[in-house]
């Protein structure tokens, strides 16, 4: 049903790998009933046409799940874009030297979720934000990663972050999809 809405991700390389990990490893554990599944599908069916081509489909699907199941965490992300998204390779690669402070802050955010869902939420945040993964897993990223995240229009990139949290483009802005066509 979901693929009817967003299409096939097979042609999108790393996005397909991320989606497989999310849909098989984390997302199912958020749903408690068929009603939850239907609600989620309705949210995605509404949201996807508004951002299609402008954002990473996988990131949008994860954020919609967070919006539905842990709206308080979704709002924290939305209101703290400067803490979650960056165009700086130093931040994404975990080289800022503030990892312990940021880890404590992230623990507080994850703590807003019901206890039974915290591990799932933490893993979803790691999927959305490579910087979060670097902090939790003590890893760093190769030099091409930032370029790939920009190409994939990931939420972790500051220049794409706001697209994920608005229903349409602000007046006067040209969509990324229209720019790509030129």
C-alpha atoms as a PDB file:
ATOM      1  CA  UNK A   1       0.000   0.000   0.000  1.00  0.00           C
ATOM      2  CA  UNK A   2       2.774   2.421   0.917  1.00  0.00           C
ATOM      3  CA  UNK A   3       4.643   1.770  -2.332  1.00  0.00           C
ATOM      4  CA  UNK A   4       1.476   2.703  -4.244  1.00  0.00           C
ATOM      5  CA  UNK A   5       1.779   6.134  -2.681  1.00  0.00           C
ATOM      6  CA  UNK A   6       5.530   6.789  -2.876  1.00  0.00           C
ATOM      7  CA  UNK A   7       6.558   4.496  -5.715  1.00  0.00           C
ATOM      8  CA  UNK A   8       9.482   2.131  -5.913  1.00  0.00           C
ATOM      9  CA  UNK A   9      12.702   3.054  -4.122  1.00  0.00           C
ATOM     10  CA  UNK A  10      14.821   0.429  -5.919  1.00  0.00           C
ATOM     11  CA  UNK A  11      16.377   2.973  -8.237  1.00  0.00           C
ATOM     12  CA  UNK A  12      17.591   5.155  -5.383  1.00  0.00           C
ATOM     13  CA  UNK A  13      20.635   3.161  -4.118  1.00  0.00           C
ATOM     14  CA  UNK A  14      21.436   4.051  -0.521  1.00  0.00           C
ATOM     15  CA  UNK A  15      17.888   5.263   0.003  1.00  0.00           C
ATOM     16  CA  UNK A  16      16.675   1.708  -0.702  1.00  0.00           C
ATOM     17  CA  UNK A  17      19.143   0.311   1.831  1.00  0.00           C
ATOM     18  CA  UNK A  18      17.998   2.826   4.449  1.00  0.00           C
ATOM     19  CA  UNK A  19      14.348   2.120   3.688  1.00  0.00           C
ATOM     20  CA  UNK A  20      14.850  -1.641   4.046  1.00  0.00           C
ATOM     21  CA  UNK A  21      16.453  -1.119   7.458  1.00  0.00           C
ATOM     22  CA  UNK A  22      13.677   1.230   8.586  1.00  0.00           C
ATOM     23  CA  UNK A  23      10.681  -0.695   7.257  1.00  0.00           C
ATOM     24  CA  UNK A  24      11.903  -4.073   8.437  1.00  0.00           C
ATOM     25  CA  UNK A  25      13.775  -3.089  11.581  1.00  0.00           C
ATOM     26  CA  UNK A  26      12.103  -0.127  13.267  1.00  0.00           C
ATOM     27  CA  UNK A  27       8.861   1.103  11.774  1.00  0.00           C
ATOM     28  CA  UNK A  28       6.750  -2.027  12.399  1.00  0.00           C
ATOM     29  CA  UNK A  29       7.383  -1.753  16.136  1.00  0.00           C
ATOM     30  CA  UNK A  30       5.684   1.636  16.298  1.00  0.00           C
ATOM     31  CA  UNK A  31       2.340   0.328  15.058  1.00  0.00           C
ATOM     32  CA  UNK A  32      -0.036  -1.187  17.570  1.00  0.00           C
ATOM     33  CA  UNK A  33      -3.061  -1.820  15.360  1.00  0.00           C
ATOM     34  CA  UNK A  34      -4.397  -1.745  11.818  1.00  0.00           C
ATOM     35  CA  UNK A  35      -5.913   1.610  12.712  1.00  0.00           C
ATOM     36  CA  UNK A  36      -2.377   2.956  13.274  1.00  0.00           C
ATOM     37  CA  UNK A  37      -1.303   1.609   9.883  1.00  0.00           C
ATOM     38  CA  UNK A  38      -4.277   3.217   8.131  1.00  0.00           C
ATOM     39  CA  UNK A  39      -3.715   6.531   9.909  1.00  0.00           C
ATOM     40  CA  UNK A  40      -0.060   6.502   8.886  1.00  0.00           C
ATOM     41  CA  UNK A  41      -0.895   5.671   5.272  1.00  0.00           C
ATOM     42  CA  UNK A  42      -3.409   8.519   5.186  1.00  0.00           C
ATOM     43  CA  UNK A  43      -0.823  10.948   6.565  1.00  0.00           C
ATOM     44  CA  UNK A  44       1.742   9.849   3.982  1.00  0.00           C
ATOM     45  CA  UNK A  45      -0.821   9.967   1.176  1.00  0.00           C
ATOM     46  CA  UNK A  46      -1.574  13.586   2.069  1.00  0.00           C
ATOM     47  CA  UNK A  47       2.017  14.684   2.706  1.00  0.00           C
ATOM     48  CA  UNK A  48       3.932  12.932  -0.054  1.00  0.00           C
ATOM     49  CA  UNK A  49       2.537  14.861  -3.052  1.00  0.00           C
ATOM     50  CA  UNK A  50       3.416  18.124  -1.291  1.00  0.00           C
ATOM     51  CA  UNK A  51       7.112  17.259  -0.957  1.00  0.00           C
ATOM     52  CA  UNK A  52       7.685  14.713  -3.730  1.00  0.00           C
ATOM     53  CA  UNK A  53      10.942  15.424  -5.509  1.00  0.00           C
ATOM     54  CA  UNK A  54      11.940  17.998  -2.900  1.00  0.00           C
ATOM     55  CA  UNK A  55      13.062  15.672  -0.106  1.00  0.00           C
ATOM     56  CA  UNK A  56      14.314  12.167   0.661  1.00  0.00           C
ATOM     57  CA  UNK A  57      11.328   9.817   0.639  1.00  0.00           C
ATOM     58  CA  UNK A  58      12.846   7.737   3.440  1.00  0.00           C
ATOM     59  CA  UNK A  59      13.393  10.766   5.659  1.00  0.00           C
ATOM     60  CA  UNK A  60       9.850  11.965   4.987  1.00  0.00           C
ATOM     61  CA  UNK A  61       8.428   8.541   5.899  1.00  0.00           C
ATOM     62  CA  UNK A  62      10.417   8.449   9.150  1.00  0.00           C
ATOM     63  CA  UNK A  63       9.396  11.988  10.078  1.00  0.00           C
ATOM     64  CA  UNK A  64       5.737  11.214   9.415  1.00  0.00           C
ATOM     65  CA  UNK A  65       6.017   8.226  11.757  1.00  0.00           C
ATOM     66  CA  UNK A  66       7.580  10.442  14.422  1.00  0.00           C
ATOM     67  CA  UNK A  67       4.885  13.055  13.886  1.00  0.00           C
ATOM     68  CA  UNK A  68       2.195  10.436  14.400  1.00  0.00           C
ATOM     69  CA  UNK A  69       3.640   8.409  17.276  1.00  0.00           C
ATOM     70  CA  UNK A  70       5.807  10.903  19.176  1.00  0.00           C
ATOM     71  CA  UNK A  71       4.592  14.361  18.172  1.00  0.00           C
ATOM     72  CA  UNK A  72       6.522  15.958  21.030  1.00  0.00           C
ATOM     73  CA  UNK A  73       9.815  14.675  19.594  1.00  0.00           C
ATOM     74  CA  UNK A  74       8.761  15.717  16.092  1.00  0.00           C
ATOM     75  CA  UNK A  75       8.202  19.252  17.428  1.00  0.00           C
ATOM     76  CA  UNK A  76      11.598  19.288  19.151  1.00  0.00           C
ATOM     77  CA  UNK A  77      13.229  18.389  15.843  1.00  0.00           C
ATOM     78  CA  UNK A  78      11.186  20.961  13.952  1.00  0.00           C
ATOM     79  CA  UNK A  79      12.052  23.735  16.405  1.00  0.00           C
ATOM     80  CA  UNK A  80      15.749  22.847  16.634  1.00  0.00           C
ATOM     81  CA  UNK A  81      16.828  22.556  13.031  1.00  0.00           C
ATOM     82  CA  UNK A  82      20.126  24.245  13.830  1.00  0.00           C
ATOM     83  CA  UNK A  83      20.895  21.385  16.232  1.00  0.00           C
ATOM     84  CA  UNK A  84      19.910  18.591  13.865  1.00  0.00           C
ATOM     85  CA  UNK A  85      20.815  19.831  10.387  1.00  0.00           C
ATOM     86  CA  UNK A  86      23.959  21.372   9.017  1.00  0.00           C
ATOM     87  CA  UNK A  87      25.823  21.974   5.785  1.00  0.00           C
ATOM     88  CA  UNK A  88      29.119  21.596   7.691  1.00  0.00           C
ATOM     89  CA  UNK A  89      31.142  18.446   7.192  1.00  0.00           C
ATOM     90  CA  UNK A  90      32.762  18.901  10.636  1.00  0.00           C
ATOM     91  CA  UNK A  91      29.361  18.631  12.347  1.00  0.00           C
ATOM     92  CA  UNK A  92      28.214  15.662  10.294  1.00  0.00           C
ATOM     93  CA  UNK A  93      31.452  13.815  10.791  1.00  0.00           C
ATOM     94  CA  UNK A  94      31.255  14.259  14.571  1.00  0.00           C
ATOM     95  CA  UNK A  95      34.297  16.527  14.808  1.00  0.00           C
ATOM     96  CA  UNK A  96      32.874  19.367  16.877  1.00  0.00           C
ATOM     97  CA  UNK A  97      34.219  18.197  20.236  1.00  0.00           C
ATOM     98  CA  UNK A  98      30.806  18.625  21.898  1.00  0.00           C
ATOM     99  CA  UNK A  99      29.616  15.059  21.507  1.00  0.00           C
ATOM    100  CA  UNK A 100      29.082  14.337  25.214  1.00  0.00           C
ATOM    101  CA  UNK A 101      26.927  17.448  25.695  1.00  0.00           C
ATOM    102  CA  UNK A 102      24.960  16.655  22.569  1.00  0.00           C
ATOM    103  CA  UNK A 103      24.529  13.018  23.618  1.00  0.00           C
ATOM    104  CA  UNK A 104      23.001  14.118  26.925  1.00  0.00           C
ATOM    105  CA  UNK A 105      20.662  16.482  25.076  1.00  0.00           C
ATOM    106  CA  UNK A 106      19.671  13.677  22.679  1.00  0.00           C
ATOM    107  CA  UNK A 107      19.052  11.328  25.621  1.00  0.00           C
ATOM    108  CA  UNK A 108      16.608  13.880  27.017  1.00  0.00           C
ATOM    109  CA  UNK A 109      14.798  14.034  23.682  1.00  0.00           C
ATOM    110  CA  UNK A 110      14.597  10.251  23.348  1.00  0.00           C
ATOM    111  CA  UNK A 111      13.369  10.205  26.960  1.00  0.00           C
ATOM    112  CA  UNK A 112      10.236  12.045  25.808  1.00  0.00           C
ATOM    113  CA  UNK A 113       9.087   8.845  24.085  1.00  0.00           C
ATOM    114  CA  UNK A 114       7.252   6.094  25.938  1.00  0.00           C
ATOM    115  CA  UNK A 115       9.841   3.808  27.504  1.00  0.00           C
ATOM    116  CA  UNK A 116       8.846   0.872  25.290  1.00  0.00           C
ATOM    117  CA  UNK A 117       9.560   2.924  22.148  1.00  0.00           C
ATOM    118  CA  UNK A 118      12.798   4.695  23.134  1.00  0.00           C
ATOM    119  CA  UNK A 119      15.222   2.307  21.417  1.00  0.00           C
ATOM    120  CA  UNK A 120      13.187   2.499  18.216  1.00  0.00           C
ATOM    121  CA  UNK A 121      13.034   6.301  18.339  1.00  0.00           C
ATOM    122  CA  UNK A 122      16.767   6.530  18.950  1.00  0.00           C
ATOM    123  CA  UNK A 123      17.427   4.316  15.920  1.00  0.00           C
ATOM    124  CA  UNK A 124      15.069   6.351  13.764  1.00  0.00           C
ATOM    125  CA  UNK A 125      16.878   9.542  14.816  1.00  0.00           C
ATOM    126  CA  UNK A 126      20.159   7.880  13.857  1.00  0.00           C
ATOM    127  CA  UNK A 127      18.667   7.090  10.446  1.00  0.00           C
ATOM    128  CA  UNK A 128      17.581  10.690   9.943  1.00  0.00           C
ATOM    129  CA  UNK A 129      20.678  12.425  11.234  1.00  0.00           C
ATOM    130  CA  UNK A 130      24.152  10.993  10.585  1.00  0.00           C
ATOM    131  CA  UNK A 131      25.485  13.359  13.236  1.00  0.00           C
ATOM    132  CA  UNK A 132      23.268  11.614  15.810  1.00  0.00           C
ATOM    133  CA  UNK A 133      24.599   8.253  14.618  1.00  0.00           C
ATOM    134  CA  UNK A 134      28.178   9.542  14.905  1.00  0.00           C
ATOM    135  CA  UNK A 135      27.524  10.670  18.472  1.00  0.00           C
ATOM    136  CA  UNK A 136      25.842   7.469  19.629  1.00  0.00           C
ATOM    137  CA  UNK A 137      27.944   4.948  17.713  1.00  0.00           C
ATOM    138  CA  UNK A 138      31.279   6.806  17.830  1.00  0.00           C
ATOM    139  CA  UNK A 139      31.764   6.559  14.079  1.00  0.00           C
ATOM    140  CA  UNK A 140      32.788   8.993  11.387  1.00  0.00           C
ATOM    141  CA  UNK A 141      31.777   9.344   7.758  1.00  0.00           C
ATOM    142  CA  UNK A 142      33.797   9.253   4.549  1.00  0.00           C
ATOM    143  CA  UNK A 143      34.437  12.358   2.484  1.00  0.00           C
ATOM    144  CA  UNK A 144      31.711  11.620  -0.073  1.00  0.00           C
ATOM    145  CA  UNK A 145      28.945  11.225   2.497  1.00  0.00           C
ATOM    146  CA  UNK A 146      28.033  14.910   2.761  1.00  0.00           C
ATOM    147  CA  UNK A 147      27.766  15.165  -1.016  1.00  0.00           C
ATOM    148  CA  UNK A 148      25.564  12.047  -1.110  1.00  0.00           C
ATOM    149  CA  UNK A 149      23.271  13.433   1.621  1.00  0.00           C
ATOM    150  CA  UNK A 150      22.938  16.669  -0.330  1.00  0.00           C
ATOM    151  CA  UNK A 151      22.179  14.769  -3.527  1.00  0.00           C
ATOM    152  CA  UNK A 152      19.544  12.707  -1.715  1.00  0.00           C
ATOM    153  CA  UNK A 153      18.014  15.901  -0.222  1.00  0.00           C
ATOM    154  CA  UNK A 154      18.263  14.538   3.304  1.00  0.00           C
ATOM    155  CA  UNK A 155      16.749  16.266   6.327  1.00  0.00           C
ATOM    156  CA  UNK A 156      20.212  16.375   7.915  1.00  0.00           C
ATOM    157  CA  UNK A 157      21.238  19.020   5.358  1.00  0.00           C
ATOM    158  CA  UNK A 158      20.314  22.506   6.557  1.00  0.00           C
ATOM    159  CA  UNK A 159      19.309  23.729   3.105  1.00  0.00           C
ATOM    160  CA  UNK A 160      16.644  20.980   2.886  1.00  0.00           C
ATOM    161  CA  UNK A 161      15.547  20.831   6.525  1.00  0.00           C
ATOM    162  CA  UNK A 162      12.677  23.341   6.285  1.00  0.00           C
ATOM    163  CA  UNK A 163      11.081  21.545   3.316  1.00  0.00           C
ATOM    164  CA  UNK A 164      10.240  18.666   5.625  1.00  0.00           C
ATOM    165  CA  UNK A 165       8.212  20.830   7.967  1.00  0.00           C
ATOM    166  CA  UNK A 166       6.115  22.907   5.611  1.00  0.00           C
ATOM    167  CA  UNK A 167       3.095  21.973   3.539  1.00  0.00           C
ATOM    168  CA  UNK A 168       4.255  23.971   0.514  1.00  0.00           C
ATOM    169  CA  UNK A 169       7.040  26.233  -0.661  1.00  0.00           C
ATOM    170  CA  UNK A 170       7.021  29.821   0.547  1.00  0.00           C
ATOM    171  CA  UNK A 171       5.779  32.388  -1.989  1.00  0.00           C
ATOM    172  CA  UNK A 172       8.405  33.256  -4.553  1.00  0.00           C
ATOM    173  CA  UNK A 173      10.547  30.146  -4.014  1.00  0.00           C
ATOM    174  CA  UNK A 174      11.226  27.819  -6.924  1.00  0.00           C
ATOM    175  CA  UNK A 175      11.052  24.125  -6.104  1.00  0.00           C
ATOM    176  CA  UNK A 176      14.172  21.962  -6.245  1.00  0.00           C
ATOM    177  CA  UNK A 177      12.328  19.736  -8.710  1.00  0.00           C
ATOM    178  CA  UNK A 178      11.791  22.698 -11.057  1.00  0.00           C
ATOM    179  CA  UNK A 179      15.449  23.729 -10.705  1.00  0.00           C
ATOM    180  CA  UNK A 180      16.589  20.184 -11.541  1.00  0.00           C
ATOM    181  CA  UNK A 181      14.509  20.270 -14.742  1.00  0.00           C
ATOM    182  CA  UNK A 182      16.408  23.366 -15.956  1.00  0.00           C
END
